[in-house]
Structures are given as structure tokens and as C-alpha cells.
């Protein structure tokens, strides 16, 4: 079983937090295409979609909501240490 790539999780976390790939890129000091690439690789690894677009708005899938809860815990613990 492959391990989760932390850079991909971080890109997902920021994108989900802000519901915007460009804002996530700014927060991570990377380009928007890099965020998109990280998210595609992450979704491919997980074998399910994390985001869905509806009417031009970005939303989390049910799986995305679950992973976001995990990422919130992961990154809040990291800040404390």
C-alpha cells in the first residue's frame, strides 16, 4: 500500500479550505497548475474524486469532506508541534 504524499495532502487541504485552487497556490507558494497536478495525482492515488464543479462553483464530494476532516486534524497537530 502506498503512503499518502504530504505535498498532495497539503495542496488538497488548502484547496478545500479556500474552495479555490488559485488561493491554495498562493498560500503554498506554488503555481495554480502545480496545485491542479497535485490534486489529480492525489485523486488518482485514492481512486475517487475529491472535488466537483457545479455552476462554476467548487464543492467537495462526500469523500472529499472526509479527507478534509482528516487533513484539518493533521495540519492542526503539526502547527502545535
C-alpha atoms as a PDB file:
ATOM      1  CA  UNK A   1       0.000   0.000   0.000  1.00  0.00           C
ATOM      2  CA  UNK A   2       1.352   3.410  -0.954  1.00  0.00           C
ATOM      3  CA  UNK A   3       1.692   6.186   1.586  1.00  0.00           C
ATOM      4  CA  UNK A   4      -0.150   9.467   1.149  1.00  0.00           C
ATOM      5  CA  UNK A   5       2.067  12.144  -0.360  1.00  0.00           C
ATOM      6  CA  UNK A   6       2.162  15.023   2.139  1.00  0.00           C
ATOM      7  CA  UNK A   7       2.540  17.676  -0.581  1.00  0.00           C
ATOM      8  CA  UNK A   8      -0.589  16.366  -2.278  1.00  0.00           C
ATOM      9  CA  UNK A   9      -2.486  16.337   1.019  1.00  0.00           C
ATOM     10  CA  UNK A  10      -1.307  19.881   1.754  1.00  0.00           C
ATOM     11  CA  UNK A  11      -2.461  21.071  -1.701  1.00  0.00           C
ATOM     12  CA  UNK A  12      -5.826  19.378  -1.164  1.00  0.00           C
ATOM     13  CA  UNK A  13      -6.176  20.890   2.315  1.00  0.00           C
ATOM     14  CA  UNK A  14      -5.570  24.433   1.080  1.00  0.00           C
ATOM     15  CA  UNK A  15      -7.827  23.995  -1.960  1.00  0.00           C
ATOM     16  CA  UNK A  16     -10.623  22.601   0.232  1.00  0.00           C
ATOM     17  CA  UNK A  17     -10.140  25.251   2.903  1.00  0.00           C
ATOM     18  CA  UNK A  18     -10.423  28.115   0.406  1.00  0.00           C
ATOM     19  CA  UNK A  19     -12.514  26.320  -2.257  1.00  0.00           C
ATOM     20  CA  UNK A  20     -10.174  27.847  -4.799  1.00  0.00           C
ATOM     21  CA  UNK A  21      -7.099  26.378  -6.481  1.00  0.00           C
ATOM     22  CA  UNK A  22      -5.501  29.791  -7.131  1.00  0.00           C
ATOM     23  CA  UNK A  23      -5.768  30.811  -3.476  1.00  0.00           C
ATOM     24  CA  UNK A  24      -4.348  27.440  -2.452  1.00  0.00           C
ATOM     25  CA  UNK A  25      -1.409  28.040  -4.792  1.00  0.00           C
ATOM     26  CA  UNK A  26      -0.725  31.455  -3.241  1.00  0.00           C
ATOM     27  CA  UNK A  27      -0.845  30.021   0.285  1.00  0.00           C
ATOM     28  CA  UNK A  28       1.569  27.245  -0.704  1.00  0.00           C
ATOM     29  CA  UNK A  29       3.881  29.485  -2.774  1.00  0.00           C
ATOM     30  CA  UNK A  30       3.426  27.320  -5.858  1.00  0.00           C
ATOM     31  CA  UNK A  31       1.612  27.791  -9.164  1.00  0.00           C
ATOM     32  CA  UNK A  32      -2.053  27.011  -9.749  1.00  0.00           C
ATOM     33  CA  UNK A  33      -1.144  24.332 -12.337  1.00  0.00           C
ATOM     34  CA  UNK A  34       1.053  22.691  -9.669  1.00  0.00           C
ATOM     35  CA  UNK A  35      -1.929  22.568  -7.288  1.00  0.00           C
ATOM     36  CA  UNK A  36      -4.049  21.040 -10.048  1.00  0.00           C
ATOM     37  CA  UNK A  37      -1.336  18.446 -10.760  1.00  0.00           C
ATOM     38  CA  UNK A  38      -1.011  17.550  -7.051  1.00  0.00           C
ATOM     39  CA  UNK A  39      -4.772  17.132  -6.776  1.00  0.00           C
ATOM     40  CA  UNK A  40      -5.015  14.970  -9.881  1.00  0.00           C
ATOM     41  CA  UNK A  41      -2.252  12.681  -8.595  1.00  0.00           C
ATOM     42  CA  UNK A  42      -3.909  12.556  -5.167  1.00  0.00           C
ATOM     43  CA  UNK A  43      -7.292  11.635  -6.676  1.00  0.00           C
ATOM     44  CA  UNK A  44      -5.624   9.008  -8.869  1.00  0.00           C
ATOM     45  CA  UNK A  45      -3.902   7.538  -5.798  1.00  0.00           C
ATOM     46  CA  UNK A  46      -7.132   7.478  -3.793  1.00  0.00           C
ATOM     47  CA  UNK A  47      -9.168   6.278  -6.783  1.00  0.00           C
ATOM     48  CA  UNK A  48     -12.030   8.721  -6.192  1.00  0.00           C
ATOM     49  CA  UNK A  49     -12.847  12.361  -6.839  1.00  0.00           C
ATOM     50  CA  UNK A  50     -12.390  14.944  -4.088  1.00  0.00           C
ATOM     51  CA  UNK A  51     -13.998  17.944  -5.815  1.00  0.00           C
ATOM     52  CA  UNK A  52     -16.950  18.513  -8.099  1.00  0.00           C
ATOM     53  CA  UNK A  53     -17.842  21.648 -10.029  1.00  0.00           C
ATOM     54  CA  UNK A  54     -21.442  22.764 -10.227  1.00  0.00           C
ATOM     55  CA  UNK A  55     -22.481  26.026 -11.834  1.00  0.00           C
ATOM     56  CA  UNK A  56     -18.866  27.219 -11.818  1.00  0.00           C
ATOM     57  CA  UNK A  57     -18.594  26.627  -8.055  1.00  0.00           C
ATOM     58  CA  UNK A  58     -16.179  24.194  -6.493  1.00  0.00           C
ATOM     59  CA  UNK A  59     -17.593  21.738  -3.944  1.00  0.00           C
ATOM     60  CA  UNK A  60     -16.222  18.785  -2.025  1.00  0.00           C
ATOM     61  CA  UNK A  61     -17.531  15.309  -2.712  1.00  0.00           C
ATOM     62  CA  UNK A  62     -18.556  13.217   0.301  1.00  0.00           C
ATOM     63  CA  UNK A  63     -15.131  11.547   0.132  1.00  0.00           C
ATOM     64  CA  UNK A  64     -13.513  14.969  -0.112  1.00  0.00           C
ATOM     65  CA  UNK A  65     -15.306  16.096   3.057  1.00  0.00           C
ATOM     66  CA  UNK A  66     -13.965  13.056   4.910  1.00  0.00           C
ATOM     67  CA  UNK A  67     -10.402  13.631   3.709  1.00  0.00           C
ATOM     68  CA  UNK A  68     -10.683  17.340   4.569  1.00  0.00           C
ATOM     69  CA  UNK A  69     -11.623  16.487   8.181  1.00  0.00           C
ATOM     70  CA  UNK A  70      -8.530  14.269   8.335  1.00  0.00           C
ATOM     71  CA  UNK A  71      -6.325  16.997   6.857  1.00  0.00           C
ATOM     72  CA  UNK A  72      -7.641  19.569   9.341  1.00  0.00           C
ATOM     73  CA  UNK A  73      -6.585  17.307  12.203  1.00  0.00           C
ATOM     74  CA  UNK A  74      -3.231  16.538  10.580  1.00  0.00           C
ATOM     75  CA  UNK A  75      -2.271  20.151   9.990  1.00  0.00           C
ATOM     76  CA  UNK A  76      -3.594  21.467  13.311  1.00  0.00           C
ATOM     77  CA  UNK A  77      -1.409  18.909  15.116  1.00  0.00           C
ATOM     78  CA  UNK A  78       1.608  19.896  13.009  1.00  0.00           C
ATOM     79  CA  UNK A  79       1.209  23.569  13.975  1.00  0.00           C
ATOM     80  CA  UNK A  80       1.216  22.708  17.684  1.00  0.00           C
ATOM     81  CA  UNK A  81       4.472  20.747  17.473  1.00  0.00           C
END
